Protein backbone atom coordinates (compact mmCIF):
# COMPACT_ATOMS: atom_id res chain seq x y z
CA MET A 1 -0.06 -0.03 -0.12
CA ALA A 2 1.29 3.26 -1.04
CA THR A 3 1.90 5.90 1.40
CA ALA A 4 0.24 9.54 0.84
CA LEU A 5 2.43 12.26 0.02
CA THR A 6 2.93 15.18 2.71
CA PHE A 7 2.14 18.49 1.38
CA GLY A 8 5.63 19.38 0.78
CA GLN A 9 6.50 16.14 -0.97
CA PHE A 10 3.44 16.88 -3.29
CA VAL A 11 4.55 20.39 -3.95
CA ARG A 12 8.07 19.39 -4.84
CA GLU A 13 6.89 16.69 -7.11
CA ALA A 14 4.44 18.65 -8.96
CA ARG A 15 7.30 21.42 -9.29
CA LEU A 16 10.04 19.33 -10.58
CA ALA A 17 7.74 17.53 -12.90
CA LYS A 18 6.91 20.65 -14.73
CA ALA A 19 10.58 21.92 -14.04
CA GLU A 20 11.96 19.14 -16.53
CA GLY A 21 10.66 20.92 -19.29
CA ASP A 22 10.55 24.45 -18.35
CA ARG A 23 13.03 26.36 -16.29
CA ALA A 24 10.37 28.60 -15.17
CA PHE A 25 9.44 25.97 -12.45
CA SER A 26 12.91 26.28 -10.72
CA LEU A 27 12.55 26.59 -6.84
CA ARG A 28 13.70 30.10 -6.93
CA LYS A 29 11.19 31.41 -9.82
CA ILE A 30 8.18 29.63 -8.31
CA ALA A 31 9.05 31.03 -4.83
CA GLU A 32 9.56 34.72 -6.87
CA LYS A 33 6.04 34.29 -8.42
CA VAL A 34 4.25 33.33 -5.22
CA GLY A 35 5.78 35.87 -2.97
CA ILE A 36 7.94 33.84 -0.61
CA GLU A 37 11.58 33.19 -0.18
CA PRO A 38 13.09 30.17 -2.45
CA SER A 39 14.81 29.17 1.38
CA TYR A 40 11.38 28.93 2.69
CA LEU A 41 9.72 27.23 -0.02
CA SER A 42 12.67 24.39 -0.24
CA LYS A 43 11.98 23.72 3.68
CA VAL A 44 8.42 23.59 3.08
CA GLU A 45 9.25 21.00 0.05
CA ARG A 46 11.48 19.08 2.76
CA ASP A 47 8.43 19.28 5.47
CA GLU A 48 10.90 21.40 7.62
CA GLU A 49 8.25 24.17 7.84
CA PRO A 50 4.95 23.54 7.96
CA PRO A 51 2.53 24.52 4.77
CA PRO A 52 2.08 28.43 4.37
CA GLY A 53 -1.09 30.21 4.55
CA GLU A 54 -3.93 30.03 2.10
CA GLY A 55 -2.90 32.81 0.13
CA VAL A 56 0.49 31.17 -0.82
CA ILE A 57 -1.12 27.99 -1.37
CA ARG A 58 -3.63 29.26 -3.89
CA LYS A 59 -0.61 30.87 -5.59
CA LEU A 60 1.28 27.83 -5.58
CA ALA A 61 -1.82 25.79 -7.09
CA HIS A 62 -2.22 28.54 -9.68
CA GLU A 63 1.46 28.09 -10.95
CA LEU A 64 1.76 24.20 -10.51
CA SER A 65 -1.66 24.27 -12.32
CA GLU A 66 -3.17 22.32 -9.47
CA ASP A 67 -6.34 22.19 -7.64
CA ALA A 68 -6.35 24.55 -4.67
CA ASP A 69 -8.69 22.64 -2.90
CA VAL A 70 -6.89 19.76 -3.07
CA LEU A 71 -3.63 21.57 -1.89
CA LEU A 72 -5.36 23.24 1.19
CA ALA A 73 -6.74 19.94 2.47
CA MET A 74 -3.33 18.29 1.91
CA ALA A 75 -2.04 21.22 4.22
CA GLY A 76 -4.82 20.58 6.86
CA LYS A 77 -6.77 23.60 5.72
CA VAL A 78 -10.14 24.48 4.50
CA SER A 79 -10.59 27.48 2.19
CA SER A 80 -11.93 30.74 3.66
CA ASP A 81 -15.12 30.63 1.43
CA LEU A 82 -16.00 27.28 2.62
CA GLN A 83 -15.24 28.27 6.16
CA ALA A 84 -17.75 31.03 5.82
CA ILE A 85 -20.16 28.76 4.17
CA ILE A 86 -19.76 26.22 6.93
CA ARG A 87 -20.03 28.99 9.95
CA LYS A 88 -23.73 29.75 8.61
CA ARG A 89 -25.10 26.50 9.15
CA PRO A 90 -22.44 24.62 10.90
CA ARG A 91 -24.83 21.64 12.33
CA LEU A 92 -26.24 21.10 9.16
CA PHE A 93 -22.93 20.86 7.00
CA ALA A 94 -21.29 18.84 9.72
CA ASP A 95 -23.81 16.11 9.38
CA LEU A 96 -23.83 16.44 5.80
CA ILE A 97 -20.12 15.78 5.59
CA ARG A 98 -20.52 12.99 7.98
CA GLN A 99 -23.13 11.45 5.90
CA LEU A 100 -21.01 11.78 2.79
CA LYS A 101 -17.66 10.10 4.22
CA ALA A 102 -19.12 6.51 3.79
CA MET A 103 -20.63 7.17 0.47
CA PRO A 104 -18.62 6.17 -2.88
CA ASP A 105 -17.18 8.82 -5.09
CA HIS A 106 -19.89 7.98 -7.75
CA ALA A 107 -22.73 8.86 -5.34
CA VAL A 108 -21.25 11.88 -4.27
CA LEU A 109 -20.62 13.15 -7.65
CA GLN A 110 -24.14 12.38 -8.54
CA LEU A 111 -25.40 14.42 -5.52
CA VAL A 112 -23.28 17.18 -6.31
CA ARG A 113 -24.39 17.29 -10.13
CA GLU A 114 -28.19 17.05 -8.92
CA VAL A 115 -27.82 20.18 -6.46
CA ARG A 116 -25.76 21.93 -8.99
CA ASP A 117 -28.06 21.59 -11.70
CA GLY A 118 -31.32 22.35 -9.15
CA GLN A 119 -32.77 18.81 -9.76
CA TRP A 120 -33.82 17.74 -6.35
């Protein structure tokens, strides 16, 4: 059974995969684009520092063409827009999420599509 990558490992692997074909994905250039020091990004990638805040994670996701919500989850964070939604009806959303955890992915996707399409 394969172990899941940490946030840092995932970011490093995603960046290195892109760096193979494009020098714009060097550690130094990506750090510059997201507004952090290269040494800090290096430490994050080696799990010597905890993941950065939401804003930097969103910028990393954009630069690496990754899903920001996935990176936030890997960092143990929830996006501020989702937090605001949950805060409005915390009991309801807590129950919903707990009920969804046992459902297979295809069932959750079907539910999402129905809600998005207004078919309920």
